[in-house]
Each structure stands twice: as C-alpha cells, then as structure tokens.
Amino acid sequence: MQTRLITLEIELAGSLKDLQQAIASALTSHGEPLRWAITRVNQQQASIEAVVLTDD
C-alpha cells in the first residue's frame, strides 16, 4: 500500500451536502481517502487536495 497526494477540481452546485458527496465520490475513485482539504474556491469550482491510500 502507498499514499498519494492528489489534487481535484469539483464543480460547485447544490447544497453543502451535495458538495461533500461529490468530494467523497471523486476521492474514492483514486483510493481510500485519509485526509482532504478544500484549498481554493472560485465562483464555479473548488480545488481539493487529498492524501489517499492505494493498493499499488
């Protein structure tokens, strides 16, 4: 198992709960999220930086 640092862009739409679900879904496609943070927000997108655990 390895840890990886990834950066994602998530579209801002809907409620806070919708945003959390979109982030969780996007992160699990890259591995098991260990921790993540929203690092930047503009009018349409949020930048997410995360550490994920992979089976590589």
N, C-alpha and C. Protein backbone atom coordinates (compact mmCIF):
# COMPACT_ATOMS: atom_id res chain seq x y z
N MET A 1 0.84 -1.18 0.00
CA MET A 1 0.00 0.00 0.00
C MET A 1 0.88 1.24 0.00
N GLN A 2 0.40 2.25 -0.70
CA GLN A 2 1.13 3.51 -0.79
C GLN A 2 0.18 4.67 -0.55
N THR A 3 0.75 5.79 -0.11
CA THR A 3 -0.02 7.01 -0.01
C THR A 3 0.30 7.88 -1.21
N ARG A 4 -0.69 8.61 -1.68
CA ARG A 4 -0.50 9.52 -2.81
C ARG A 4 -1.17 10.85 -2.49
N LEU A 5 -0.57 11.93 -2.92
CA LEU A 5 -1.17 13.26 -2.83
C LEU A 5 -1.84 13.54 -4.16
N ILE A 6 -3.12 13.86 -4.12
CA ILE A 6 -3.84 14.17 -5.36
C ILE A 6 -4.50 15.53 -5.24
N THR A 7 -4.77 16.14 -6.38
CA THR A 7 -5.49 17.41 -6.46
C THR A 7 -6.66 17.23 -7.42
N LEU A 8 -7.84 17.67 -7.00
CA LEU A 8 -9.05 17.55 -7.81
C LEU A 8 -9.74 18.89 -7.93
N GLU A 9 -10.50 19.05 -8.99
CA GLU A 9 -11.37 20.20 -9.17
C GLU A 9 -12.81 19.69 -9.13
N ILE A 10 -13.64 20.26 -8.26
CA ILE A 10 -15.03 19.85 -8.10
C ILE A 10 -15.92 21.04 -8.45
N GLU A 11 -16.94 20.79 -9.25
CA GLU A 11 -17.90 21.84 -9.59
C GLU A 11 -18.75 22.18 -8.37
N LEU A 12 -18.96 23.47 -8.14
CA LEU A 12 -19.82 23.91 -7.06
C LEU A 12 -21.26 23.99 -7.57
N ALA A 13 -22.10 23.17 -7.03
CA ALA A 13 -23.52 23.17 -7.40
C ALA A 13 -24.30 22.51 -6.28
N GLY A 14 -25.44 23.05 -5.98
CA GLY A 14 -26.28 22.44 -4.95
C GLY A 14 -25.88 22.85 -3.55
N SER A 15 -26.21 22.00 -2.61
CA SER A 15 -26.00 22.29 -1.19
C SER A 15 -24.63 21.83 -0.72
N LEU A 16 -24.34 22.12 0.52
CA LEU A 16 -23.09 21.67 1.14
C LEU A 16 -23.03 20.14 1.18
N LYS A 17 -24.15 19.51 1.45
CA LYS A 17 -24.21 18.05 1.48
C LYS A 17 -23.88 17.48 0.09
N ASP A 18 -24.39 18.11 -0.97
CA ASP A 18 -24.07 17.68 -2.33
C ASP A 18 -22.58 17.81 -2.62
N LEU A 19 -21.97 18.88 -2.15
CA LEU A 19 -20.54 19.09 -2.33
C LEU A 19 -19.74 18.01 -1.60
N GLN A 20 -20.11 17.70 -0.37
CA GLN A 20 -19.41 16.67 0.39
C GLN A 20 -19.53 15.31 -0.30
N GLN A 21 -20.69 14.98 -0.84
CA GLN A 21 -20.88 13.72 -1.54
C GLN A 21 -20.05 13.67 -2.82
N ALA A 22 -19.99 14.79 -3.55
CA ALA A 22 -19.19 14.85 -4.78
C ALA A 22 -17.71 14.67 -4.46
N ILE A 23 -17.24 15.28 -3.39
CA ILE A 23 -15.84 15.15 -2.99
C ILE A 23 -15.54 13.70 -2.61
N ALA A 24 -16.38 13.11 -1.77
CA ALA A 24 -16.19 11.72 -1.34
C ALA A 24 -16.17 10.77 -2.52
N SER A 25 -17.08 10.96 -3.45
CA SER A 25 -17.15 10.09 -4.63
C SER A 25 -15.90 10.23 -5.49
N ALA A 26 -15.46 11.46 -5.71
CA ALA A 26 -14.27 11.70 -6.53
C ALA A 26 -13.02 11.12 -5.86
N LEU A 27 -12.92 11.25 -4.56
CA LEU A 27 -11.74 10.75 -3.85
C LEU A 27 -11.68 9.23 -3.83
N THR A 28 -12.79 8.56 -3.63
CA THR A 28 -12.77 7.10 -3.56
C THR A 28 -12.42 6.47 -4.89
N SER A 29 -12.58 7.20 -5.99
CA SER A 29 -12.17 6.66 -7.28
C SER A 29 -10.64 6.61 -7.41
N HIS A 30 -9.92 7.31 -6.52
CA HIS A 30 -8.46 7.34 -6.54
C HIS A 30 -7.84 6.47 -5.44
N GLY A 31 -8.64 6.01 -4.50
CA GLY A 31 -8.15 5.21 -3.38
C GLY A 31 -8.95 5.51 -2.13
N GLU A 32 -8.44 5.06 -1.00
CA GLU A 32 -9.11 5.32 0.28
C GLU A 32 -8.63 6.66 0.83
N PRO A 33 -9.52 7.66 0.95
CA PRO A 33 -9.10 8.96 1.45
C PRO A 33 -8.68 8.90 2.92
N LEU A 34 -7.50 9.43 3.22
CA LEU A 34 -7.02 9.51 4.59
C LEU A 34 -7.33 10.88 5.19
N ARG A 35 -7.10 11.91 4.37
CA ARG A 35 -7.47 13.27 4.76
C ARG A 35 -7.57 14.12 3.51
N TRP A 36 -8.39 15.16 3.57
CA TRP A 36 -8.54 16.05 2.43
C TRP A 36 -8.89 17.44 2.93
N ALA A 37 -8.67 18.42 2.05
CA ALA A 37 -8.98 19.81 2.39
C ALA A 37 -9.37 20.56 1.12
N ILE A 38 -10.29 21.50 1.29
CA ILE A 38 -10.61 22.43 0.22
C ILE A 38 -9.57 23.53 0.30
N THR A 39 -8.79 23.69 -0.78
CA THR A 39 -7.68 24.64 -0.74
C THR A 39 -7.95 25.93 -1.49
N ARG A 40 -8.92 25.91 -2.38
CA ARG A 40 -9.23 27.13 -3.15
C ARG A 40 -10.67 27.03 -3.65
N VAL A 41 -11.36 28.16 -3.66
CA VAL A 41 -12.73 28.21 -4.18
C VAL A 41 -12.84 29.43 -5.07
N ASN A 42 -13.39 29.21 -6.27
CA ASN A 42 -13.76 30.37 -7.09
C ASN A 42 -15.25 30.27 -7.34
N GLN A 43 -15.77 31.00 -8.28
CA GLN A 43 -17.23 31.07 -8.46
C GLN A 43 -17.85 29.76 -8.92
N GLN A 44 -17.10 28.90 -9.61
CA GLN A 44 -17.68 27.68 -10.15
C GLN A 44 -17.03 26.39 -9.66
N GLN A 45 -15.82 26.46 -9.09
CA GLN A 45 -15.10 25.25 -8.72
C GLN A 45 -14.41 25.37 -7.37
N ALA A 46 -14.21 24.21 -6.77
CA ALA A 46 -13.41 24.11 -5.54
C ALA A 46 -12.23 23.19 -5.85
N SER A 47 -11.05 23.58 -5.38
CA SER A 47 -9.86 22.75 -5.51
C SER A 47 -9.71 21.94 -4.23
N ILE A 48 -9.49 20.64 -4.40
CA ILE A 48 -9.36 19.73 -3.28
C ILE A 48 -7.96 19.11 -3.32
N GLU A 49 -7.26 19.11 -2.20
CA GLU A 49 -6.01 18.37 -2.07
C GLU A 49 -6.26 17.27 -1.07
N ALA A 50 -5.81 16.06 -1.41
CA ALA A 50 -6.09 14.92 -0.55
C ALA A 50 -4.93 13.94 -0.53
N VAL A 51 -4.85 13.21 0.56
CA VAL A 51 -3.93 12.08 0.67
C VAL A 51 -4.80 10.83 0.64
N VAL A 52 -4.50 9.93 -0.31
CA VAL A 52 -5.27 8.70 -0.44
C VAL A 52 -4.33 7.50 -0.31
N LEU A 53 -4.88 6.41 0.15
CA LEU A 53 -4.16 5.15 0.28
C LEU A 53 -4.53 4.27 -0.90
N THR A 54 -3.50 3.79 -1.64
CA THR A 54 -3.74 2.97 -2.81
C THR A 54 -3.13 1.58 -2.64
N ASP A 55 -3.54 0.63 -3.46
CA ASP A 55 -3.02 -0.72 -3.42
C ASP A 55 -1.83 -0.94 -4.33
N ASP A 56 -1.28 0.11 -4.91
CA ASP A 56 -0.16 0.00 -5.86
C ASP A 56 1.03 -0.70 -5.27
